[in-house]
N, C-alpha and C. Protein backbone atom coordinates (compact mmCIF):
# COMPACT_ATOMS: atom_id res chain seq x y z
N MET A 1 -105.88 -4.14 101.26
CA MET A 1 -105.93 -5.57 100.96
C MET A 1 -104.51 -6.08 100.68
N TYR A 2 -104.20 -7.23 101.19
CA TYR A 2 -102.89 -7.84 100.98
C TYR A 2 -102.82 -8.39 99.56
N THR A 3 -101.74 -8.06 98.85
CA THR A 3 -101.61 -8.52 97.48
C THR A 3 -100.35 -9.32 97.23
N GLY A 4 -99.61 -9.67 98.26
CA GLY A 4 -98.40 -10.47 98.08
C GLY A 4 -97.16 -9.62 97.96
N LYS A 5 -96.04 -10.28 97.62
CA LYS A 5 -94.76 -9.59 97.52
C LYS A 5 -94.80 -8.53 96.42
N THR A 6 -94.12 -7.45 96.67
CA THR A 6 -94.02 -6.38 95.68
C THR A 6 -92.56 -6.05 95.43
N GLU A 7 -92.29 -5.41 94.33
CA GLU A 7 -90.93 -4.97 94.06
C GLU A 7 -90.58 -3.86 95.03
N GLN A 8 -89.44 -3.95 95.63
CA GLN A 8 -88.99 -3.00 96.61
C GLN A 8 -87.86 -2.15 96.03
N PRO A 9 -87.51 -1.06 96.69
CA PRO A 9 -86.38 -0.26 96.23
C PRO A 9 -85.06 -0.98 96.49
N CYS A 10 -84.00 -0.42 95.99
CA CYS A 10 -82.66 -0.97 96.20
C CYS A 10 -82.42 -1.15 97.70
N CYS A 11 -82.00 -2.34 98.09
CA CYS A 11 -81.81 -2.63 99.52
C CYS A 11 -80.59 -1.94 100.10
N LEU A 12 -79.75 -1.37 99.26
CA LEU A 12 -78.58 -0.64 99.76
C LEU A 12 -78.83 0.86 99.87
N CYS A 13 -79.38 1.46 98.80
CA CYS A 13 -79.49 2.93 98.79
C CYS A 13 -80.93 3.45 98.79
N GLY A 14 -81.89 2.58 98.54
CA GLY A 14 -83.29 2.99 98.52
C GLY A 14 -83.79 3.52 97.20
N ASP A 15 -82.96 3.49 96.16
CA ASP A 15 -83.36 3.95 94.82
C ASP A 15 -84.52 3.07 94.33
N PRO A 16 -85.65 3.68 93.93
CA PRO A 16 -86.79 2.88 93.48
C PRO A 16 -86.59 2.25 92.09
N ASP A 17 -85.60 2.71 91.35
CA ASP A 17 -85.33 2.18 90.01
C ASP A 17 -84.32 1.05 90.11
N THR A 18 -84.80 -0.18 90.21
CA THR A 18 -83.91 -1.33 90.38
C THR A 18 -83.76 -2.10 89.08
N THR A 19 -82.63 -2.80 88.96
CA THR A 19 -82.34 -3.57 87.75
C THR A 19 -82.15 -5.04 88.02
N THR A 20 -81.85 -5.41 89.26
CA THR A 20 -81.50 -6.80 89.57
C THR A 20 -82.17 -7.25 90.86
N ARG A 21 -82.64 -8.50 90.84
CA ARG A 21 -83.27 -9.09 92.01
C ARG A 21 -82.56 -10.39 92.35
N LEU A 22 -82.33 -10.61 93.64
CA LEU A 22 -81.79 -11.88 94.12
C LEU A 22 -82.81 -12.51 95.05
N ASP A 23 -83.00 -13.81 94.94
CA ASP A 23 -83.91 -14.54 95.81
C ASP A 23 -83.09 -15.36 96.80
N LEU A 24 -83.41 -15.19 98.05
CA LEU A 24 -82.65 -15.80 99.13
C LEU A 24 -83.54 -16.67 100.00
N PRO A 25 -82.93 -17.60 100.74
CA PRO A 25 -83.72 -18.41 101.67
C PRO A 25 -84.20 -17.53 102.83
N PRO A 26 -85.34 -17.84 103.42
CA PRO A 26 -85.87 -17.03 104.53
C PRO A 26 -84.88 -16.84 105.67
N ARG A 27 -84.11 -17.85 105.97
CA ARG A 27 -83.14 -17.80 107.07
C ARG A 27 -82.12 -16.68 106.87
N ALA A 28 -81.82 -16.33 105.60
CA ALA A 28 -80.82 -15.31 105.30
C ALA A 28 -81.25 -13.92 105.74
N VAL A 29 -82.54 -13.74 106.03
CA VAL A 29 -83.00 -12.42 106.47
C VAL A 29 -82.29 -12.01 107.76
N GLN A 30 -81.84 -12.98 108.55
CA GLN A 30 -81.12 -12.69 109.79
C GLN A 30 -79.81 -11.94 109.54
N LEU A 31 -79.26 -12.07 108.35
CA LEU A 31 -77.99 -11.43 108.02
C LEU A 31 -78.17 -9.99 107.54
N LEU A 32 -79.41 -9.60 107.26
CA LEU A 32 -79.67 -8.25 106.76
C LEU A 32 -79.69 -7.24 107.90
N LYS A 33 -79.30 -6.03 107.58
CA LYS A 33 -79.34 -4.93 108.55
C LYS A 33 -80.80 -4.65 108.92
N ASN A 34 -81.07 -4.36 110.17
CA ASN A 34 -82.41 -4.04 110.70
C ASN A 34 -83.38 -5.22 110.63
N SER A 35 -82.89 -6.43 110.72
CA SER A 35 -83.77 -7.60 110.60
C SER A 35 -84.29 -8.11 111.93
N GLY A 36 -83.89 -7.50 113.02
CA GLY A 36 -84.25 -7.97 114.36
C GLY A 36 -85.71 -8.31 114.57
N PRO A 37 -86.65 -7.45 114.16
CA PRO A 37 -88.06 -7.74 114.44
C PRO A 37 -88.69 -8.79 113.50
N ILE A 38 -87.96 -9.27 112.52
CA ILE A 38 -88.53 -10.23 111.56
C ILE A 38 -88.25 -11.65 112.01
N ALA A 39 -89.30 -12.43 112.21
CA ALA A 39 -89.15 -13.84 112.57
C ALA A 39 -89.00 -14.65 111.29
N TRP A 40 -87.78 -15.05 110.96
CA TRP A 40 -87.54 -15.72 109.69
C TRP A 40 -88.34 -17.00 109.54
N ARG A 41 -88.67 -17.65 110.63
CA ARG A 41 -89.44 -18.89 110.54
C ARG A 41 -90.88 -18.65 110.09
N ASP A 42 -91.35 -17.41 110.17
CA ASP A 42 -92.70 -17.08 109.73
C ASP A 42 -92.75 -16.58 108.29
N ILE A 43 -91.60 -16.55 107.62
CA ILE A 43 -91.58 -16.12 106.22
C ILE A 43 -92.05 -17.28 105.36
N VAL A 44 -92.93 -16.98 104.44
CA VAL A 44 -93.46 -17.98 103.51
C VAL A 44 -92.75 -17.77 102.17
N GLY A 45 -91.99 -18.77 101.73
CA GLY A 45 -91.28 -18.64 100.45
C GLY A 45 -89.97 -17.89 100.62
N GLU A 46 -89.42 -17.48 99.48
CA GLU A 46 -88.12 -16.84 99.50
C GLU A 46 -88.20 -15.35 99.83
N VAL A 47 -87.06 -14.79 100.15
CA VAL A 47 -86.90 -13.36 100.41
C VAL A 47 -86.21 -12.77 99.18
N SER A 48 -86.76 -11.71 98.63
CA SER A 48 -86.16 -11.07 97.46
C SER A 48 -85.57 -9.72 97.84
N ILE A 49 -84.36 -9.48 97.38
CA ILE A 49 -83.75 -8.17 97.54
C ILE A 49 -83.43 -7.63 96.16
N HIS A 50 -83.52 -6.32 96.02
CA HIS A 50 -83.36 -5.66 94.73
C HIS A 50 -82.21 -4.68 94.79
N PHE A 51 -81.57 -4.44 93.63
CA PHE A 51 -80.44 -3.52 93.55
C PHE A 51 -80.61 -2.59 92.36
N CYS A 52 -80.20 -1.33 92.55
CA CYS A 52 -80.13 -0.39 91.43
C CYS A 52 -78.87 -0.75 90.62
N ALA A 53 -78.71 -0.16 89.46
CA ALA A 53 -77.59 -0.51 88.57
C ALA A 53 -76.23 -0.25 89.23
N SER A 54 -76.06 0.90 89.88
CA SER A 54 -74.75 1.21 90.46
C SER A 54 -74.44 0.31 91.66
N ASP A 55 -75.43 0.02 92.47
CA ASP A 55 -75.18 -0.86 93.61
C ASP A 55 -75.01 -2.31 93.18
N TRP A 56 -75.64 -2.71 92.09
CA TRP A 56 -75.44 -4.06 91.57
C TRP A 56 -73.99 -4.25 91.16
N LYS A 57 -73.40 -3.22 90.57
CA LYS A 57 -71.98 -3.29 90.19
C LYS A 57 -71.12 -3.51 91.43
N LEU A 58 -71.42 -2.78 92.51
CA LEU A 58 -70.70 -2.93 93.77
C LEU A 58 -70.87 -4.34 94.33
N VAL A 59 -72.10 -4.85 94.32
CA VAL A 59 -72.37 -6.20 94.84
C VAL A 59 -71.59 -7.24 94.04
N ARG A 60 -71.61 -7.13 92.72
CA ARG A 60 -70.84 -8.06 91.87
C ARG A 60 -69.37 -8.05 92.25
N GLU A 61 -68.81 -6.87 92.44
CA GLU A 61 -67.40 -6.75 92.81
C GLU A 61 -67.14 -7.37 94.19
N LEU A 62 -68.01 -7.09 95.14
CA LEU A 62 -67.84 -7.65 96.48
C LEU A 62 -67.84 -9.17 96.44
N VAL A 63 -68.77 -9.74 95.69
CA VAL A 63 -68.91 -11.20 95.66
C VAL A 63 -67.85 -11.86 94.78
N LEU A 64 -67.71 -11.40 93.54
CA LEU A 64 -66.85 -12.09 92.57
C LEU A 64 -65.37 -11.74 92.72
N ASP A 65 -65.05 -10.50 93.08
CA ASP A 65 -63.65 -10.10 93.16
C ASP A 65 -63.08 -10.20 94.57
N MET A 66 -63.90 -9.92 95.58
CA MET A 66 -63.39 -9.88 96.95
C MET A 66 -63.85 -11.06 97.80
N GLY A 67 -64.83 -11.82 97.32
CA GLY A 67 -65.31 -12.97 98.08
C GLY A 67 -66.04 -12.61 99.36
N LEU A 68 -66.79 -11.48 99.34
CA LEU A 68 -67.51 -11.02 100.52
C LEU A 68 -69.02 -11.13 100.33
N ASN A 69 -69.70 -11.48 101.40
CA ASN A 69 -71.16 -11.54 101.39
C ASN A 69 -71.69 -10.14 101.72
N PRO A 70 -72.46 -9.52 100.82
CA PRO A 70 -72.91 -8.14 101.01
C PRO A 70 -74.18 -8.01 101.86
N LEU A 71 -74.75 -9.10 102.34
CA LEU A 71 -76.05 -9.02 102.99
C LEU A 71 -76.08 -8.13 104.23
N SER A 72 -74.99 -8.04 104.96
CA SER A 72 -75.00 -7.21 106.16
C SER A 72 -75.16 -5.73 105.83
N ARG A 73 -74.95 -5.36 104.59
CA ARG A 73 -75.10 -3.97 104.16
C ARG A 73 -76.51 -3.69 103.62
N CYS A 74 -77.30 -4.74 103.43
CA CYS A 74 -78.64 -4.61 102.85
C CYS A 74 -79.67 -4.39 103.95
N ASN A 75 -80.62 -3.52 103.71
CA ASN A 75 -81.64 -3.17 104.68
C ASN A 75 -82.83 -4.13 104.57
N ALA A 76 -83.14 -4.83 105.65
CA ALA A 76 -84.26 -5.78 105.66
C ALA A 76 -85.60 -5.09 105.40
N ALA A 77 -85.70 -3.81 105.74
CA ALA A 77 -86.94 -3.07 105.51
C ALA A 77 -87.24 -2.92 104.03
N ARG A 78 -86.22 -3.10 103.19
CA ARG A 78 -86.40 -2.97 101.74
C ARG A 78 -86.47 -4.33 101.05
N ALA A 79 -86.52 -5.40 101.82
CA ALA A 79 -86.64 -6.74 101.23
C ALA A 79 -88.11 -7.03 100.94
N SER A 80 -88.33 -7.87 99.96
CA SER A 80 -89.67 -8.28 99.60
C SER A 80 -89.89 -9.71 100.12
N LEU A 81 -90.89 -9.87 100.99
CA LEU A 81 -91.14 -11.18 101.57
C LEU A 81 -92.59 -11.28 102.01
N ASP A 82 -93.04 -12.50 102.16
CA ASP A 82 -94.39 -12.78 102.64
C ASP A 82 -94.30 -13.36 104.05
N ILE A 83 -95.09 -12.81 104.94
CA ILE A 83 -95.12 -13.27 106.33
C ILE A 83 -96.40 -14.07 106.55
N ARG A 84 -96.30 -15.14 107.30
CA ARG A 84 -97.44 -16.04 107.56
C ARG A 84 -98.65 -15.28 108.09
N GLU A 85 -98.45 -14.30 108.98
CA GLU A 85 -99.56 -13.55 109.56
C GLU A 85 -100.34 -12.79 108.49
N ASP A 86 -99.66 -12.36 107.42
CA ASP A 86 -100.35 -11.67 106.34
C ASP A 86 -101.35 -12.61 105.66
N PHE A 87 -100.92 -13.86 105.45
CA PHE A 87 -101.83 -14.84 104.87
C PHE A 87 -102.98 -15.13 105.81
N GLU A 88 -102.68 -15.22 107.10
CA GLU A 88 -103.73 -15.50 108.08
C GLU A 88 -104.76 -14.38 108.11
N ALA A 89 -104.30 -13.14 108.02
CA ALA A 89 -105.22 -12.01 108.01
C ALA A 89 -106.08 -12.02 106.76
N LEU A 90 -105.48 -12.36 105.64
CA LEU A 90 -106.22 -12.41 104.37
C LEU A 90 -107.25 -13.54 104.37
N LEU A 91 -106.85 -14.69 104.84
CA LEU A 91 -107.70 -15.88 104.77
C LEU A 91 -108.53 -16.12 106.02
N ASN A 92 -108.31 -15.31 107.06
CA ASN A 92 -108.99 -15.49 108.34
C ASN A 92 -108.82 -16.93 108.82
N ASP A 93 -107.57 -17.39 108.81
CA ASP A 93 -107.26 -18.77 109.15
C ASP A 93 -105.89 -18.80 109.81
N VAL A 94 -105.69 -19.66 110.79
CA VAL A 94 -104.40 -19.80 111.44
C VAL A 94 -103.63 -20.91 110.73
N ARG A 95 -102.39 -20.62 110.38
CA ARG A 95 -101.56 -21.58 109.68
C ARG A 95 -100.41 -22.04 110.55
N ASP A 96 -99.92 -23.24 110.26
CA ASP A 96 -98.75 -23.76 110.96
C ASP A 96 -97.51 -23.00 110.50
N GLU A 97 -96.48 -23.05 111.34
CA GLU A 97 -95.21 -22.43 110.97
C GLU A 97 -94.70 -23.10 109.70
N PRO A 98 -94.29 -22.30 108.71
CA PRO A 98 -93.81 -22.89 107.45
C PRO A 98 -92.58 -23.76 107.67
N ASP A 99 -92.51 -24.85 106.93
CA ASP A 99 -91.34 -25.73 106.96
C ASP A 99 -90.42 -25.30 105.82
N GLN A 100 -89.27 -24.75 106.18
CA GLN A 100 -88.34 -24.19 105.19
C GLN A 100 -87.38 -25.25 104.63
N THR A 101 -87.44 -26.47 105.11
CA THR A 101 -86.47 -27.50 104.77
C THR A 101 -86.36 -27.74 103.27
N ASP A 102 -87.48 -27.95 102.59
CA ASP A 102 -87.45 -28.24 101.16
C ASP A 102 -86.93 -27.05 100.35
N LEU A 103 -87.39 -25.85 100.70
CA LEU A 103 -86.94 -24.64 100.00
C LEU A 103 -85.44 -24.45 100.17
N GLU A 104 -84.94 -24.61 101.38
CA GLU A 104 -83.51 -24.45 101.62
C GLU A 104 -82.70 -25.50 100.90
N ALA A 105 -83.14 -26.74 100.92
CA ALA A 105 -82.42 -27.81 100.23
C ALA A 105 -82.38 -27.56 98.73
N ARG A 106 -83.51 -27.12 98.17
CA ARG A 106 -83.56 -26.82 96.74
C ARG A 106 -82.62 -25.68 96.39
N MET A 107 -82.62 -24.63 97.20
CA MET A 107 -81.74 -23.48 96.94
C MET A 107 -80.27 -23.88 97.05
N GLN A 108 -79.95 -24.74 98.00
CA GLN A 108 -78.56 -25.20 98.13
C GLN A 108 -78.15 -26.01 96.90
N ARG A 109 -79.00 -26.94 96.48
CA ARG A 109 -78.68 -27.77 95.30
C ARG A 109 -78.53 -26.90 94.05
N GLU A 110 -79.47 -25.99 93.83
CA GLU A 110 -79.41 -25.13 92.65
C GLU A 110 -78.14 -24.28 92.67
N SER A 111 -77.80 -23.75 93.83
CA SER A 111 -76.62 -22.89 93.95
C SER A 111 -75.34 -23.68 93.71
N GLN A 112 -75.26 -24.88 94.26
CA GLN A 112 -74.08 -25.71 94.03
C GLN A 112 -73.93 -26.05 92.55
N THR A 113 -75.05 -26.33 91.88
CA THR A 113 -75.02 -26.63 90.45
C THR A 113 -74.57 -25.42 89.64
N VAL A 114 -75.09 -24.25 89.95
CA VAL A 114 -74.70 -23.03 89.23
C VAL A 114 -73.20 -22.79 89.35
N ILE A 115 -72.67 -22.90 90.55
CA ILE A 115 -71.24 -22.67 90.76
C ILE A 115 -70.40 -23.72 90.04
N ARG A 116 -70.80 -24.97 90.14
CA ARG A 116 -70.05 -26.07 89.52
C ARG A 116 -70.04 -25.95 87.99
N GLU A 117 -71.17 -25.53 87.40
CA GLU A 117 -71.30 -25.53 85.95
C GLU A 117 -71.16 -24.15 85.31
N PHE A 118 -70.84 -23.13 86.08
CA PHE A 118 -70.85 -21.77 85.56
C PHE A 118 -69.93 -21.58 84.35
N ASP A 119 -68.70 -22.04 84.43
CA ASP A 119 -67.75 -21.83 83.33
C ASP A 119 -68.09 -22.64 82.09
N GLU A 120 -68.82 -23.74 82.26
CA GLU A 120 -69.14 -24.61 81.13
C GLU A 120 -70.48 -24.27 80.47
N ASP A 121 -71.30 -23.48 81.13
CA ASP A 121 -72.65 -23.19 80.63
C ASP A 121 -72.66 -21.82 79.95
N ASP A 122 -72.85 -21.83 78.64
CA ASP A 122 -72.87 -20.58 77.87
C ASP A 122 -74.05 -19.68 78.23
N LEU A 123 -75.09 -20.25 78.81
CA LEU A 123 -76.29 -19.48 79.12
C LEU A 123 -76.27 -18.90 80.54
N SER A 124 -75.24 -19.22 81.30
CA SER A 124 -75.15 -18.72 82.68
C SER A 124 -74.89 -17.21 82.68
N GLU A 125 -75.50 -16.56 83.66
CA GLU A 125 -75.30 -15.12 83.84
C GLU A 125 -74.55 -14.89 85.14
N GLN A 126 -73.82 -13.79 85.21
CA GLN A 126 -73.12 -13.45 86.44
C GLN A 126 -74.09 -13.30 87.60
N ARG A 127 -75.30 -12.82 87.33
CA ARG A 127 -76.29 -12.66 88.38
C ARG A 127 -76.54 -14.00 89.07
N ASP A 128 -76.65 -15.07 88.29
CA ASP A 128 -76.89 -16.39 88.85
C ASP A 128 -75.73 -16.83 89.74
N LEU A 129 -74.51 -16.55 89.30
CA LEU A 129 -73.33 -16.92 90.08
C LEU A 129 -73.28 -16.13 91.38
N VAL A 130 -73.55 -14.83 91.32
CA VAL A 130 -73.55 -13.98 92.52
C VAL A 130 -74.61 -14.48 93.49
N GLU A 131 -75.82 -14.75 93.00
CA GLU A 131 -76.90 -15.24 93.85
C GLU A 131 -76.52 -16.57 94.50
N ALA A 132 -75.94 -17.47 93.73
CA ALA A 132 -75.56 -18.79 94.24
C ALA A 132 -74.51 -18.66 95.35
N LYS A 133 -73.52 -17.83 95.14
CA LYS A 133 -72.48 -17.67 96.15
C LYS A 133 -73.04 -17.04 97.43
N ILE A 134 -73.88 -16.03 97.28
CA ILE A 134 -74.47 -15.39 98.45
C ILE A 134 -75.32 -16.39 99.23
N ARG A 135 -76.10 -17.19 98.53
CA ARG A 135 -76.93 -18.20 99.21
C ARG A 135 -76.07 -19.16 100.01
N LEU A 136 -75.04 -19.73 99.36
CA LEU A 136 -74.22 -20.73 100.04
C LEU A 136 -73.42 -20.12 101.19
N TRP A 137 -72.88 -18.92 101.00
CA TRP A 137 -72.17 -18.25 102.09
C TRP A 137 -73.11 -17.99 103.27
N SER A 138 -74.34 -17.62 102.95
CA SER A 138 -75.32 -17.34 104.01
C SER A 138 -75.64 -18.60 104.80
N PHE A 139 -75.87 -19.71 104.09
CA PHE A 139 -76.12 -20.97 104.79
C PHE A 139 -74.93 -21.31 105.69
N GLU A 140 -73.73 -21.16 105.16
CA GLU A 140 -72.52 -21.47 105.93
C GLU A 140 -72.41 -20.57 107.15
N GLU A 141 -72.63 -19.28 106.97
CA GLU A 141 -72.53 -18.31 108.08
C GLU A 141 -73.56 -18.60 109.16
N LEU A 142 -74.73 -19.11 108.75
CA LEU A 142 -75.80 -19.38 109.70
C LEU A 142 -75.75 -20.81 110.25
N GLY A 143 -74.73 -21.58 109.85
CA GLY A 143 -74.53 -22.92 110.39
C GLY A 143 -75.47 -23.97 109.85
N VAL A 144 -75.94 -23.79 108.61
CA VAL A 144 -76.83 -24.78 107.99
C VAL A 144 -75.97 -25.77 107.22
N ALA A 145 -76.17 -27.04 107.49
CA ALA A 145 -75.39 -28.09 106.83
C ALA A 145 -75.70 -28.12 105.33
N ALA A 146 -74.71 -28.45 104.55
CA ALA A 146 -74.88 -28.56 103.09
C ALA A 146 -75.84 -29.69 102.75
N ALA A 147 -76.65 -29.44 101.75
CA ALA A 147 -77.64 -30.46 101.32
C ALA A 147 -76.97 -31.54 100.51
């Protein structure tokens, strides 16, 4: 029986003991390693990738110190996502292709806000900044106009 998204192992090394999760727009799945067979337009909601403690340290360094998007190193097979066909099988119903416009616009706005206010917000975490930068870099790399 289909039960929805589940926690996956580290998308870099496969370690089942993860400490950090990032939520990405469905379109970003195209940037992940081994993503060829996944139709990003059929993804319902966001794509989540998870990292173990040691790989999270590497990701933080890549993003914050070197300005690099780590998604090409992440395995799409270890991402957590919902596919429209899974819902159709569960509900015995055919659904229209999901419209990602609102989700992408919201993620862009949230990410821009996090980056703009990071130094001034005492409650901000580095995880939020890393996620925001990865999201915006991914949109830019995939040619999505800023919201």
